[in-house]
Amino acid sequence: MAKSFQVNVHEAKSTLSELLKRAENGDEIVIARRGQPVARLVPVRSGGGLPHGVFKGQIVIGPDFDAPLPDDMAEAFGA
C-alpha cells in the first residue's frame, strides 16, 4: 500500500535512488529543510488522459471533415 513520509534534504540526497523506487511504487515522499516541507516526490502517471481507444466505435467523422469551409465561415475565422 502506498504511503506518505518525510525525509530531510541530506537523507534525500544520500538515498535518492531508493526514494525514486518508492515513488515509482506509489509512495509520496515529502522533502523537508530544517523540518519544514519544501517539496514532494510523487509518481508520474503516464498519459494522464483517457485510455487509448475508449471511444472506439462511438465517434463518426464525416467524409468531408477536411473540406474547405464555406466562404462566410472561413471569413469568420479570419481566413
N, C-alpha and C. Protein backbone atom coordinates (compact mmCIF):
# COMPACT_ATOMS: atom_id res chain seq x y z
N MET A 1 0.84 -1.19 0.00
CA MET A 1 0.00 0.00 0.00
C MET A 1 0.89 1.25 0.00
N ALA A 2 0.52 2.22 -0.81
CA ALA A 2 1.29 3.47 -0.90
C ALA A 2 1.15 4.25 0.41
N LYS A 3 2.25 4.93 0.75
CA LYS A 3 2.20 5.74 1.96
C LYS A 3 2.97 7.03 1.74
N SER A 4 2.80 7.96 2.64
CA SER A 4 3.47 9.24 2.58
C SER A 4 4.40 9.34 3.79
N PHE A 5 5.60 9.85 3.56
CA PHE A 5 6.52 10.06 4.68
C PHE A 5 7.46 11.21 4.33
N GLN A 6 8.15 11.70 5.35
CA GLN A 6 9.01 12.87 5.21
C GLN A 6 10.47 12.50 5.45
N VAL A 7 11.35 13.08 4.63
CA VAL A 7 12.79 12.92 4.81
C VAL A 7 13.42 14.30 4.76
N ASN A 8 14.60 14.43 5.38
CA ASN A 8 15.30 15.71 5.29
C ASN A 8 16.15 15.74 4.02
N VAL A 9 16.64 16.91 3.67
CA VAL A 9 17.40 17.08 2.43
C VAL A 9 18.61 16.16 2.39
N HIS A 10 19.35 16.08 3.48
CA HIS A 10 20.54 15.23 3.49
C HIS A 10 20.19 13.77 3.20
N GLU A 11 19.15 13.27 3.85
CA GLU A 11 18.72 11.88 3.61
C GLU A 11 18.24 11.70 2.17
N ALA A 12 17.52 12.70 1.64
CA ALA A 12 17.04 12.61 0.26
C ALA A 12 18.21 12.53 -0.72
N LYS A 13 19.25 13.32 -0.46
CA LYS A 13 20.43 13.30 -1.34
C LYS A 13 21.14 11.96 -1.29
N SER A 14 21.26 11.40 -0.11
CA SER A 14 22.04 10.17 0.02
C SER A 14 21.24 8.91 -0.32
N THR A 15 19.92 9.02 -0.41
CA THR A 15 19.11 7.83 -0.73
C THR A 15 18.18 8.07 -1.92
N LEU A 16 18.58 8.95 -2.83
CA LEU A 16 17.71 9.33 -3.94
C LEU A 16 17.23 8.13 -4.76
N SER A 17 18.12 7.21 -5.10
CA SER A 17 17.71 6.04 -5.90
C SER A 17 16.62 5.24 -5.20
N GLU A 18 16.78 5.03 -3.91
CA GLU A 18 15.77 4.30 -3.14
C GLU A 18 14.45 5.06 -3.10
N LEU A 19 14.54 6.38 -2.91
CA LEU A 19 13.32 7.19 -2.87
C LEU A 19 12.61 7.17 -4.21
N LEU A 20 13.36 7.19 -5.31
CA LEU A 20 12.74 7.12 -6.63
C LEU A 20 12.00 5.80 -6.82
N LYS A 21 12.59 4.71 -6.37
CA LYS A 21 11.92 3.41 -6.46
C LYS A 21 10.62 3.42 -5.67
N ARG A 22 10.67 4.01 -4.50
CA ARG A 22 9.47 4.06 -3.66
C ARG A 22 8.39 4.91 -4.32
N ALA A 23 8.80 6.03 -4.95
CA ALA A 23 7.83 6.87 -5.66
C ALA A 23 7.23 6.10 -6.84
N GLU A 24 8.06 5.36 -7.56
CA GLU A 24 7.56 4.55 -8.67
C GLU A 24 6.51 3.55 -8.20
N ASN A 25 6.65 3.10 -6.98
CA ASN A 25 5.70 2.13 -6.41
C ASN A 25 4.50 2.80 -5.76
N GLY A 26 4.39 4.12 -5.89
CA GLY A 26 3.21 4.82 -5.42
C GLY A 26 3.37 5.64 -4.16
N ASP A 27 4.51 5.55 -3.48
CA ASP A 27 4.70 6.34 -2.26
C ASP A 27 4.87 7.82 -2.59
N GLU A 28 4.52 8.65 -1.64
CA GLU A 28 4.74 10.10 -1.74
C GLU A 28 5.77 10.47 -0.69
N ILE A 29 6.85 11.10 -1.12
CA ILE A 29 7.92 11.47 -0.21
C ILE A 29 7.96 12.99 -0.10
N VAL A 30 7.86 13.50 1.12
CA VAL A 30 7.97 14.94 1.36
C VAL A 30 9.41 15.22 1.77
N ILE A 31 10.03 16.16 1.10
CA ILE A 31 11.41 16.53 1.42
C ILE A 31 11.37 17.83 2.21
N ALA A 32 12.02 17.81 3.37
CA ALA A 32 11.96 18.95 4.28
C ALA A 32 13.34 19.54 4.52
N ARG A 33 13.36 20.84 4.75
CA ARG A 33 14.58 21.54 5.15
C ARG A 33 14.33 22.09 6.55
N ARG A 34 15.16 21.66 7.50
CA ARG A 34 15.01 22.06 8.90
C ARG A 34 13.59 21.79 9.41
N GLY A 35 13.05 20.64 9.01
CA GLY A 35 11.73 20.23 9.48
C GLY A 35 10.56 20.83 8.74
N GLN A 36 10.82 21.75 7.82
CA GLN A 36 9.74 22.40 7.07
C GLN A 36 9.63 21.79 5.67
N PRO A 37 8.48 21.24 5.31
CA PRO A 37 8.30 20.65 3.98
C PRO A 37 8.55 21.68 2.87
N VAL A 38 9.34 21.29 1.87
CA VAL A 38 9.62 22.20 0.76
C VAL A 38 9.31 21.57 -0.61
N ALA A 39 9.23 20.26 -0.69
CA ALA A 39 8.97 19.61 -1.98
C ALA A 39 8.35 18.25 -1.75
N ARG A 40 7.73 17.74 -2.81
CA ARG A 40 7.11 16.43 -2.77
C ARG A 40 7.62 15.60 -3.94
N LEU A 41 7.99 14.38 -3.67
CA LEU A 41 8.40 13.44 -4.71
C LEU A 41 7.24 12.45 -4.86
N VAL A 42 6.59 12.49 -6.02
CA VAL A 42 5.42 11.65 -6.26
C VAL A 42 5.59 10.89 -7.58
N PRO A 43 4.87 9.79 -7.75
CA PRO A 43 4.98 9.06 -9.01
C PRO A 43 4.37 9.84 -10.16
N VAL A 44 4.95 9.71 -11.33
CA VAL A 44 4.41 10.31 -12.54
C VAL A 44 3.44 9.31 -13.15
N ARG A 45 2.27 9.75 -13.40
CA ARG A 45 1.27 8.89 -14.02
C ARG A 45 1.37 9.07 -15.53
N SER A 46 1.67 8.02 -16.25
CA SER A 46 1.82 8.14 -17.70
C SER A 46 0.48 8.42 -18.35
N GLY A 47 0.54 9.20 -19.41
CA GLY A 47 -0.67 9.52 -20.15
C GLY A 47 -1.46 10.62 -19.48
N GLY A 48 -2.04 10.31 -18.38
CA GLY A 48 -2.82 11.29 -17.66
C GLY A 48 -4.20 11.53 -18.26
N GLY A 49 -4.47 10.97 -19.41
CA GLY A 49 -5.76 11.17 -20.05
C GLY A 49 -6.56 9.88 -20.08
N LEU A 50 -7.44 9.83 -21.03
CA LEU A 50 -8.26 8.64 -21.19
C LEU A 50 -7.46 7.52 -21.85
N PRO A 51 -7.81 6.30 -21.56
CA PRO A 51 -7.13 5.18 -22.20
C PRO A 51 -7.34 5.21 -23.72
N HIS A 52 -6.34 4.79 -24.45
CA HIS A 52 -6.41 4.76 -25.91
C HIS A 52 -7.58 3.89 -26.35
N GLY A 53 -8.39 4.40 -27.28
CA GLY A 53 -9.49 3.62 -27.84
C GLY A 53 -10.77 3.63 -27.03
N VAL A 54 -10.85 4.45 -26.00
CA VAL A 54 -12.01 4.43 -25.12
C VAL A 54 -13.31 4.80 -25.87
N PHE A 55 -13.22 5.60 -26.93
CA PHE A 55 -14.41 5.99 -27.69
C PHE A 55 -14.54 5.25 -29.02
N LYS A 56 -13.81 4.16 -29.18
CA LYS A 56 -13.84 3.41 -30.42
C LYS A 56 -15.28 3.00 -30.76
N GLY A 57 -15.66 3.31 -32.00
CA GLY A 57 -17.00 2.97 -32.46
C GLY A 57 -18.08 3.94 -32.04
N GLN A 58 -17.75 4.96 -31.27
CA GLN A 58 -18.74 5.91 -30.78
C GLN A 58 -18.67 7.25 -31.49
N ILE A 59 -17.61 7.50 -32.23
CA ILE A 59 -17.43 8.79 -32.91
C ILE A 59 -17.35 8.53 -34.41
N VAL A 60 -18.11 9.31 -35.15
CA VAL A 60 -18.11 9.18 -36.61
C VAL A 60 -17.61 10.49 -37.19
N ILE A 61 -16.61 10.40 -38.06
CA ILE A 61 -16.08 11.58 -38.74
C ILE A 61 -16.54 11.53 -40.18
N GLY A 62 -17.23 12.57 -40.60
CA GLY A 62 -17.77 12.61 -41.95
C GLY A 62 -16.68 12.61 -43.01
N PRO A 63 -17.00 12.12 -44.21
CA PRO A 63 -16.00 12.03 -45.27
C PRO A 63 -15.50 13.40 -45.72
N ASP A 64 -16.24 14.46 -45.41
CA ASP A 64 -15.84 15.79 -45.85
C ASP A 64 -15.27 16.64 -44.71
N PHE A 65 -14.80 16.00 -43.63
CA PHE A 65 -14.36 16.76 -42.46
C PHE A 65 -13.23 17.73 -42.77
N ASP A 66 -12.43 17.45 -43.79
CA ASP A 66 -11.32 18.36 -44.11
C ASP A 66 -11.58 19.18 -45.38
N ALA A 67 -12.84 19.22 -45.80
CA ALA A 67 -13.20 20.02 -46.98
C ALA A 67 -13.07 21.51 -46.63
N PRO A 68 -12.82 22.34 -47.63
CA PRO A 68 -12.74 23.78 -47.35
C PRO A 68 -14.02 24.29 -46.72
N LEU A 69 -13.88 25.25 -45.83
CA LEU A 69 -15.04 25.85 -45.17
C LEU A 69 -15.79 26.73 -46.17
N PRO A 70 -17.10 26.88 -45.95
CA PRO A 70 -17.85 27.85 -46.77
C PRO A 70 -17.22 29.23 -46.58
N ASP A 71 -17.32 30.08 -47.59
CA ASP A 71 -16.68 31.40 -47.54
C ASP A 71 -17.03 32.20 -46.30
N ASP A 72 -18.34 32.22 -45.93
CA ASP A 72 -18.73 33.03 -44.77
C ASP A 72 -18.11 32.50 -43.47
N MET A 73 -18.00 31.20 -43.34
CA MET A 73 -17.40 30.63 -42.13
C MET A 73 -15.88 30.86 -42.12
N ALA A 74 -15.23 30.70 -43.26
CA ALA A 74 -13.79 30.95 -43.35
C ALA A 74 -13.51 32.42 -43.00
N GLU A 75 -14.37 33.29 -43.46
CA GLU A 75 -14.22 34.73 -43.18
C GLU A 75 -14.35 35.00 -41.67
N ALA A 76 -15.27 34.29 -41.01
CA ALA A 76 -15.49 34.46 -39.57
C ALA A 76 -14.25 34.04 -38.79
N PHE A 77 -13.49 33.07 -39.33
CA PHE A 77 -12.27 32.62 -38.67
C PHE A 77 -11.05 33.41 -39.11
N GLY A 78 -11.25 34.40 -39.95
CA GLY A 78 -10.15 35.24 -40.39
C GLY A 78 -9.29 34.61 -41.46
N ALA A 79 -9.83 33.66 -42.17
CA ALA A 79 -9.05 33.01 -43.24
C ALA A 79 -9.19 33.74 -44.55
